[in-house]
Amino acid sequence: MGARRLADGPEGRAAAARVLADGGVVAFPTDTVYGIAVALHTPGGIERLFAAKQRPLDKAIALLVADSAQAAELGELNAAAAALATAFWPGGLTLVLPLRADRSLPAALLGDPSVAHPRVGVRVPDHATPRALARAVGPLPTTSANRSGEPEARDADELEAQLGAALDLILDGGPAHGGPASTVVDTTTEPLRILREGAISIERVDDCLASADLPGVGR
């Protein structure tokens, strides 16, 4: 049986929030591609998310959050992270933050286990739907809506053909906007490191840090 499919909008988002709160897997549009997500503390939810994509559990994924305040509930924002968040959120920036000492997360969300202090990747997307869902149910472990190694789904039809049997609900927001993936900045090191250059150039990151009288990224 395939996933239920609803139009993206207030009613669809409310239904999606209920499905997430009940432990389901939901697909929805973001500012680049469609994503699939579970509620953060759903028992076995991360494993189900990875199984849907046929993705190894040792490849960490980021969490989509509603705003900087929700990001700060997960990770520690130093001066550089706060400056970058103010400049580029909502948008194509993923910040890798030190996990707060009073938080625990599944290992699949914490990246390299050899790193001394656990880290978590967070992003505020430039799309109302994931922000609304994160506001309703909390930070969302999210990954692109496609099987690993296959092209990303461009719309709800392609998404349903690839992953429909593994999903509980699809929010149909029309064709995905596409565009480059987010730039990933590791704020846990001095100087900061660019782990992936994407939507936001290294020069823009450096300019933002310079305007805040902070050191630039390492080269």
C-alpha atoms as a PDB file:
ATOM      1  CA  MET A   1       0.000   0.000   0.000  1.00  0.00           C
ATOM      2  CA  GLY A   2       1.424   3.419  -0.965  1.00  0.00           C
ATOM      3  CA  ALA A   3       1.739   6.516   1.148  1.00  0.00           C
ATOM      4  CA  ARG A   4      -1.166   8.864   1.712  1.00  0.00           C
ATOM      5  CA  ARG A   5      -0.701  12.041  -0.347  1.00  0.00           C
ATOM      6  CA  LEU A   6      -1.926  15.516   0.558  1.00  0.00           C
ATOM      7  CA  ALA A   7      -1.420  18.969  -0.912  1.00  0.00           C
ATOM      8  CA  ASP A   8       1.156  21.059   0.917  1.00  0.00           C
ATOM      9  CA  GLY A   9      -0.618  23.761   2.876  1.00  0.00           C
ATOM     10  CA  PRO A  10      -1.960  24.398   6.381  1.00  0.00           C
ATOM     11  CA  GLU A  11      -4.202  21.305   6.460  1.00  0.00           C
ATOM     12  CA  GLY A  12      -1.534  19.060   4.937  1.00  0.00           C
ATOM     13  CA  ARG A  13       1.105  20.323   7.348  1.00  0.00           C
ATOM     14  CA  ALA A  14      -1.174  19.736  10.318  1.00  0.00           C
ATOM     15  CA  ALA A  15      -1.777  16.164   9.137  1.00  0.00           C
ATOM     16  CA  ALA A  16       1.945  15.659   8.556  1.00  0.00           C
ATOM     17  CA  ALA A  17       2.737  16.885  12.067  1.00  0.00           C
ATOM     18  CA  ARG A  18       0.286  14.334  13.487  1.00  0.00           C
ATOM     19  CA  VAL A  19       1.850  11.526  11.439  1.00  0.00           C
ATOM     20  CA  LEU A  20       5.335  12.529  12.599  1.00  0.00           C
ATOM     21  CA  ALA A  21       4.217  12.741  16.226  1.00  0.00           C
ATOM     22  CA  ASP A  22       2.771   9.239  15.893  1.00  0.00           C
ATOM     23  CA  GLY A  23       6.110   7.870  14.648  1.00  0.00           C
ATOM     24  CA  GLY A  24       5.536   7.960  10.888  1.00  0.00           C
ATOM     25  CA  VAL A  25       7.856   8.861   8.004  1.00  0.00           C
ATOM     26  CA  VAL A  26       6.811  11.932   6.033  1.00  0.00           C
ATOM     27  CA  ALA A  27       8.057  13.393   2.744  1.00  0.00           C
ATOM     28  CA  PHE A  28       7.805  17.130   2.103  1.00  0.00           C
ATOM     29  CA  PRO A  29       9.258  19.868  -0.108  1.00  0.00           C
ATOM     30  CA  THR A  30      12.240  21.926   1.034  1.00  0.00           C
ATOM     31  CA  ASP A  31      14.029  24.899  -0.507  1.00  0.00           C
ATOM     32  CA  THR A  32      16.050  22.561  -2.754  1.00  0.00           C
ATOM     33  CA  VAL A  33      14.720  18.990  -3.055  1.00  0.00           C
ATOM     34  CA  TYR A  34      12.078  16.861  -1.378  1.00  0.00           C
ATOM     35  CA  GLY A  35      13.119  15.421   1.962  1.00  0.00           C
ATOM     36  CA  ILE A  36      11.935  12.576   4.172  1.00  0.00           C
ATOM     37  CA  ALA A  37      11.913  12.856   7.938  1.00  0.00           C
ATOM     38  CA  VAL A  38      10.867  11.333  11.233  1.00  0.00           C
ATOM     39  CA  ALA A  39      10.315  12.895  14.628  1.00  0.00           C
ATOM     40  CA  LEU A  40      13.578  13.012  16.529  1.00  0.00           C
ATOM     41  CA  HIS A  41      12.780  10.654  19.378  1.00  0.00           C
ATOM     42  CA  THR A  42      10.635   8.120  17.519  1.00  0.00           C
ATOM     43  CA  PRO A  43      11.829   4.661  18.653  1.00  0.00           C
ATOM     44  CA  GLY A  44      13.559   3.075  15.671  1.00  0.00           C
ATOM     45  CA  GLY A  45      12.708   6.111  13.556  1.00  0.00           C
ATOM     46  CA  ILE A  46      16.230   6.893  12.363  1.00  0.00           C
ATOM     47  CA  GLU A  47      16.722   3.273  11.350  1.00  0.00           C
ATOM     48  CA  ARG A  48      13.448   3.331   9.415  1.00  0.00           C
ATOM     49  CA  LEU A  49      14.504   6.546   7.670  1.00  0.00           C
ATOM     50  CA  PHE A  50      17.810   5.038   6.588  1.00  0.00           C
ATOM     51  CA  ALA A  51      16.123   1.815   5.530  1.00  0.00           C
ATOM     52  CA  ALA A  52      13.754   3.764   3.268  1.00  0.00           C
ATOM     53  CA  LYS A  53      16.754   5.248   1.470  1.00  0.00           C
ATOM     54  CA  GLN A  54      18.789   2.043   1.644  1.00  0.00           C
ATOM     55  CA  ARG A  55      21.515   4.213   3.168  1.00  0.00           C
ATOM     56  CA  PRO A  56      24.234   2.966   5.562  1.00  0.00           C
ATOM     57  CA  LEU A  57      23.755   4.071   9.154  1.00  0.00           C
ATOM     58  CA  ASP A  58      27.342   5.331   9.345  1.00  0.00           C
ATOM     59  CA  LYS A  59      26.519   8.299   7.061  1.00  0.00           C
ATOM     60  CA  ALA A  60      25.274  11.077   9.321  1.00  0.00           C
ATOM     61  CA  ILE A  61      22.372  13.330   8.388  1.00  0.00           C
ATOM     62  CA  ALA A  62      21.461  16.822   9.528  1.00  0.00           C
ATOM     63  CA  LEU A  63      18.422  18.056  11.398  1.00  0.00           C
ATOM     64  CA  LEU A  64      16.103  20.698   9.988  1.00  0.00           C
ATOM     65  CA  VAL A  65      15.035  23.194  12.633  1.00  0.00           C
ATOM     66  CA  ALA A  66      12.516  26.014  12.813  1.00  0.00           C
ATOM     67  CA  ASP A  67      14.924  28.779  13.822  1.00  0.00           C
ATOM     68  CA  SER A  68      18.186  29.592  15.594  1.00  0.00           C
ATOM     69  CA  ALA A  69      16.585  29.162  19.011  1.00  0.00           C
ATOM     70  CA  GLN A  70      15.679  25.564  18.199  1.00  0.00           C
ATOM     71  CA  ALA A  71      19.194  24.962  16.884  1.00  0.00           C
ATOM     72  CA  ALA A  72      20.573  26.237  20.195  1.00  0.00           C
ATOM     73  CA  GLU A  73      18.508  23.621  22.026  1.00  0.00           C
ATOM     74  CA  LEU A  74      20.642  20.970  20.302  1.00  0.00           C
ATOM     75  CA  GLY A  75      24.086  22.475  19.832  1.00  0.00           C
ATOM     76  CA  GLU A  76      26.292  25.205  21.213  1.00  0.00           C
ATOM     77  CA  LEU A  77      26.409  28.315  19.040  1.00  0.00           C
ATOM     78  CA  ASN A  78      29.679  30.160  19.505  1.00  0.00           C
ATOM     79  CA  ALA A  79      30.175  33.703  18.185  1.00  0.00           C
ATOM     80  CA  ALA A  80      31.052  32.510  14.677  1.00  0.00           C
ATOM     81  CA  ALA A  81      28.095  30.128  14.470  1.00  0.00           C
ATOM     82  CA  ALA A  82      25.732  32.823  15.708  1.00  0.00           C
ATOM     83  CA  ALA A  83      27.038  35.312  13.140  1.00  0.00           C
ATOM     84  CA  LEU A  84      26.644  32.830  10.292  1.00  0.00           C
ATOM     85  CA  ALA A  85      23.166  31.815  11.437  1.00  0.00           C
ATOM     86  CA  THR A  86      22.052  35.440  11.571  1.00  0.00           C
ATOM     87  CA  ALA A  87      23.436  36.117   8.083  1.00  0.00           C
ATOM     88  CA  PHE A  88      22.363  32.991   6.220  1.00  0.00           C
ATOM     89  CA  TRP A  89      19.336  31.426   7.960  1.00  0.00           C
ATOM     90  CA  PRO A  90      16.854  30.603   6.620  1.00  0.00           C
ATOM     91  CA  GLY A  91      18.923  29.363   3.707  1.00  0.00           C
ATOM     92  CA  GLY A  92      21.547  27.074   2.300  1.00  0.00           C
ATOM     93  CA  LEU A  93      23.827  26.784   5.331  1.00  0.00           C
ATOM     94  CA  THR A  94      24.302  23.728   7.542  1.00  0.00           C
ATOM     95  CA  LEU A  95      26.191  24.395  10.760  1.00  0.00           C
ATOM     96  CA  VAL A  96      28.027  21.579  12.522  1.00  0.00           C
ATOM     97  CA  LEU A  97      27.828  22.399  16.227  1.00  0.00           C
ATOM     98  CA  PRO A  98      29.132  20.804  19.420  1.00  0.00           C
ATOM     99  CA  LEU A  99      26.267  18.806  20.896  1.00  0.00           C
ATOM    100  CA  ARG A 100      25.027  20.345  24.134  1.00  0.00           C
ATOM    101  CA  ALA A 101      26.189  18.462  27.189  1.00  0.00           C
ATOM    102  CA  ASP A 102      22.607  18.041  28.388  1.00  0.00           C
ATOM    103  CA  ARG A 103      21.380  16.482  25.118  1.00  0.00           C
ATOM    104  CA  SER A 104      21.724  12.989  23.720  1.00  0.00           C
ATOM    105  CA  LEU A 105      21.004  11.986  20.137  1.00  0.00           C
ATOM    106  CA  PRO A 106      21.117   8.760  18.128  1.00  0.00           C
ATOM    107  CA  ALA A 107      24.607   7.933  16.887  1.00  0.00           C
ATOM    108  CA  ALA A 108      23.492   8.282  13.259  1.00  0.00           C
ATOM    109  CA  LEU A 109      23.038  12.018  13.829  1.00  0.00           C
ATOM    110  CA  LEU A 110      26.427  12.660  15.413  1.00  0.00           C
ATOM    111  CA  GLY A 111      28.883  12.075  12.580  1.00  0.00           C
ATOM    112  CA  ASP A 112      32.381  10.693  13.036  1.00  0.00           C
ATOM    113  CA  PRO A 113      32.469   8.620  16.262  1.00  0.00           C
ATOM    114  CA  SER A 114      36.253   9.138  16.530  1.00  0.00           C
ATOM    115  CA  VAL A 115      35.748  12.857  17.275  1.00  0.00           C
ATOM    116  CA  ALA A 116      36.187  13.513  20.984  1.00  0.00           C
ATOM    117  CA  HIS A 117      33.081  15.675  21.406  1.00  0.00           C
ATOM    118  CA  PRO A 118      29.817  14.699  19.686  1.00  0.00           C
ATOM    119  CA  ARG A 119      28.705  17.076  16.919  1.00  0.00           C
ATOM    120  CA  VAL A 120      25.363  17.693  15.266  1.00  0.00           C
ATOM    121  CA  GLY A 121      24.501  19.292  11.910  1.00  0.00           C
ATOM    122  CA  VAL A 122      21.559  21.711  11.832  1.00  0.00           C
ATOM    123  CA  ARG A 123      19.928  23.911   9.186  1.00  0.00           C
ATOM    124  CA  VAL A 124      17.015  26.344   8.985  1.00  0.00           C
ATOM    125  CA  PRO A 125      15.650  25.796   5.454  1.00  0.00           C
ATOM    126  CA  ASP A 126      14.272  28.619   3.339  1.00  0.00           C
ATOM    127  CA  HIS A 127      10.890  26.903   2.997  1.00  0.00           C
ATOM    128  CA  ALA A 128       7.886  27.302   5.256  1.00  0.00           C
ATOM    129  CA  THR A 129       6.885  23.626   5.337  1.00  0.00           C
ATOM    130  CA  PRO A 130       9.872  22.031   7.097  1.00  0.00           C
ATOM    131  CA  ARG A 131      10.087  24.999   9.458  1.00  0.00           C
ATOM    132  CA  ALA A 132       6.398  24.601  10.370  1.00  0.00           C
ATOM    133  CA  LEU A 133       6.822  20.870  10.946  1.00  0.00           C
ATOM    134  CA  ALA A 134       9.935  21.396  13.083  1.00  0.00           C
ATOM    135  CA  ARG A 135       8.074  24.019  15.082  1.00  0.00           C
ATOM    136  CA  ALA A 136       5.224  21.566  15.643  1.00  0.00           C
ATOM    137  CA  VAL A 137       7.136  18.384  16.511  1.00  0.00           C
ATOM    138  CA  GLY A 138      10.740  19.447  17.164  1.00  0.00           C
ATOM    139  CA  PRO A 139      13.983  19.177  15.163  1.00  0.00           C
ATOM    140  CA  LEU A 140      13.590  16.832  12.201  1.00  0.00           C
ATOM    141  CA  PRO A 141      16.238  14.304  11.117  1.00  0.00           C
ATOM    142  CA  THR A 142      15.892  14.755   7.370  1.00  0.00           C
ATOM    143  CA  THR A 143      17.497  13.312   4.271  1.00  0.00           C
ATOM    144  CA  SER A 144      16.812  13.718   0.571  1.00  0.00           C
ATOM    145  CA  ALA A 145      13.856  11.763  -0.809  1.00  0.00           C
ATOM    146  CA  ASN A 146      15.575   9.211  -2.997  1.00  0.00           C
ATOM    147  CA  ARG A 147      17.211   5.830  -2.689  1.00  0.00           C
ATOM    148  CA  SER A 148      20.952   6.126  -2.090  1.00  0.00           C
ATOM    149  CA  GLY A 149      22.800   6.384  -5.385  1.00  0.00           C
ATOM    150  CA  GLU A 150      19.701   7.320  -7.390  1.00  0.00           C
ATOM    151  CA  PRO A 151      18.671  10.787  -8.628  1.00  0.00           C
ATOM    152  CA  GLU A 152      16.786  12.991  -6.214  1.00  0.00           C
ATOM    153  CA  ALA A 153      13.046  13.048  -6.771  1.00  0.00           C
ATOM    154  CA  ARG A 154      12.007  16.210  -8.614  1.00  0.00           C
ATOM    155  CA  ASP A 155       8.337  16.048  -7.647  1.00  0.00           C
ATOM    156  CA  ALA A 156       5.844  14.007  -5.647  1.00  0.00           C
ATOM    157  CA  ASP A 157       5.238  11.553  -8.502  1.00  0.00           C
ATOM    158  CA  GLU A 158       8.923  10.584  -8.732  1.00  0.00           C
ATOM    159  CA  LEU A 159       9.112  10.485  -4.947  1.00  0.00           C
ATOM    160  CA  GLU A 160       6.158   8.137  -4.691  1.00  0.00           C
ATOM    161  CA  ALA A 161       7.575   5.873  -7.413  1.00  0.00           C
ATOM    162  CA  GLN A 162      10.908   5.573  -5.572  1.00  0.00           C
ATOM    163  CA  LEU A 163       9.895   5.521  -1.917  1.00  0.00           C
ATOM    164  CA  GLY A 164       6.111   5.419  -1.642  1.00  0.00           C
ATOM    165  CA  ALA A 165       5.947   1.994   0.002  1.00  0.00           C
ATOM    166  CA  ALA A 166       8.346   3.140   2.764  1.00  0.00           C
ATOM    167  CA  LEU A 167       6.444   6.349   3.601  1.00  0.00           C
ATOM    168  CA  ASP A 168       3.325   7.158   5.582  1.00  0.00           C
ATOM    169  CA  LEU A 169       2.527  10.566   4.084  1.00  0.00           C
ATOM    170  CA  ILE A 170       3.679  12.730   1.165  1.00  0.00           C
ATOM    171  CA  LEU A 171       3.090  16.465   1.155  1.00  0.00           C
ATOM    172  CA  ASP A 172       2.818  17.468  -2.496  1.00  0.00           C
ATOM    173  CA  GLY A 173       4.248  20.941  -3.011  1.00  0.00           C
ATOM    174  CA  GLY A 174       4.755  20.733  -6.762  1.00  0.00           C
ATOM    175  CA  PRO A 175       8.134  20.510  -8.508  1.00  0.00           C
ATOM    176  CA  ALA A 176      11.221  20.844  -6.322  1.00  0.00           C
ATOM    177  CA  HIS A 177      13.117  24.116  -6.735  1.00  0.00           C
ATOM    178  CA  GLY A 178      16.453  22.323  -7.099  1.00  0.00           C
ATOM    179  CA  GLY A 179      19.723  24.206  -6.857  1.00  0.00           C
ATOM    180  CA  PRO A 180      22.964  23.502  -5.011  1.00  0.00           C
ATOM    181  CA  ALA A 181      23.089  21.662  -1.716  1.00  0.00           C
ATOM    182  CA  SER A 182      23.764  23.608   1.454  1.00  0.00           C
ATOM    183  CA  THR A 183      27.238  24.724   2.403  1.00  0.00           C
ATOM    184  CA  VAL A 184      28.386  22.798   5.480  1.00  0.00           C
ATOM    185  CA  VAL A 185      30.527  24.688   8.012  1.00  0.00           C
ATOM    186  CA  ASP A 186      32.169  22.951  10.960  1.00  0.00           C
ATOM    187  CA  THR A 187      32.094  25.463  13.812  1.00  0.00           C
ATOM    188  CA  THR A 188      33.719  23.076  16.308  1.00  0.00           C
ATOM    189  CA  THR A 189      37.266  23.811  15.088  1.00  0.00           C
ATOM    190  CA  GLU A 190      39.552  26.852  15.167  1.00  0.00           C
ATOM    191  CA  PRO A 191      39.641  28.121  12.504  1.00  0.00           C
ATOM    192  CA  LEU A 192      36.263  27.028  11.145  1.00  0.00           C
ATOM    193  CA  ARG A 193      36.304  24.495   8.301  1.00  0.00           C
ATOM    194  CA  ILE A 194      34.172  24.233   5.189  1.00  0.00           C
ATOM    195  CA  LEU A 195      33.173  20.580   4.912  1.00  0.00           C
ATOM    196  CA  ARG A 196      31.181  21.146   1.705  1.00  0.00           C
ATOM    197  CA  GLU A 197      30.902  24.262  -0.407  1.00  0.00           C
ATOM    198  CA  GLY A 198      27.427  24.626  -1.859  1.00  0.00           C
ATOM    199  CA  ALA A 199      24.797  27.345  -1.982  1.00  0.00           C
ATOM    200  CA  ILE A 200      26.916  29.832  -0.019  1.00  0.00           C
ATOM    201  CA  SER A 201      30.453  30.489  -1.216  1.00  0.00           C
ATOM    202  CA  ILE A 202      33.525  30.416   1.017  1.00  0.00           C
ATOM    203  CA  GLU A 203      33.997  34.110   0.204  1.00  0.00           C
ATOM    204  CA  ARG A 204      30.561  34.972   1.580  1.00  0.00           C
ATOM    205  CA  VAL A 205      31.269  32.986   4.737  1.00  0.00           C
ATOM    206  CA  ASP A 206      34.594  34.785   5.151  1.00  0.00           C
ATOM    207  CA  ASP A 207      32.991  38.182   4.545  1.00  0.00           C
ATOM    208  CA  CYS A 208      30.372  37.459   7.194  1.00  0.00           C
ATOM    209  CA  LEU A 209      33.005  36.458   9.740  1.00  0.00           C
ATOM    210  CA  ALA A 210      35.179  39.473   8.919  1.00  0.00           C
ATOM    211  CA  SER A 211      32.236  41.838   9.402  1.00  0.00           C
ATOM    212  CA  ALA A 212      31.827  40.368  12.895  1.00  0.00           C
ATOM    213  CA  ASP A 213      35.590  40.771  13.610  1.00  0.00           C
ATOM    214  CA  LEU A 214      36.034  37.007  13.708  1.00  0.00           C
ATOM    215  CA  PRO A 215      38.730  34.840  12.099  1.00  0.00           C
ATOM    216  CA  GLY A 216      37.979  33.457   8.633  1.00  0.00           C
ATOM    217  CA  VAL A 217      37.699  29.809   7.649  1.00  0.00           C
ATOM    218  CA  GLY A 218      40.750  27.573   7.455  1.00  0.00           C
ATOM    219  CA  ARG A 219      42.170  26.775   4.066  1.00  0.00           C
END
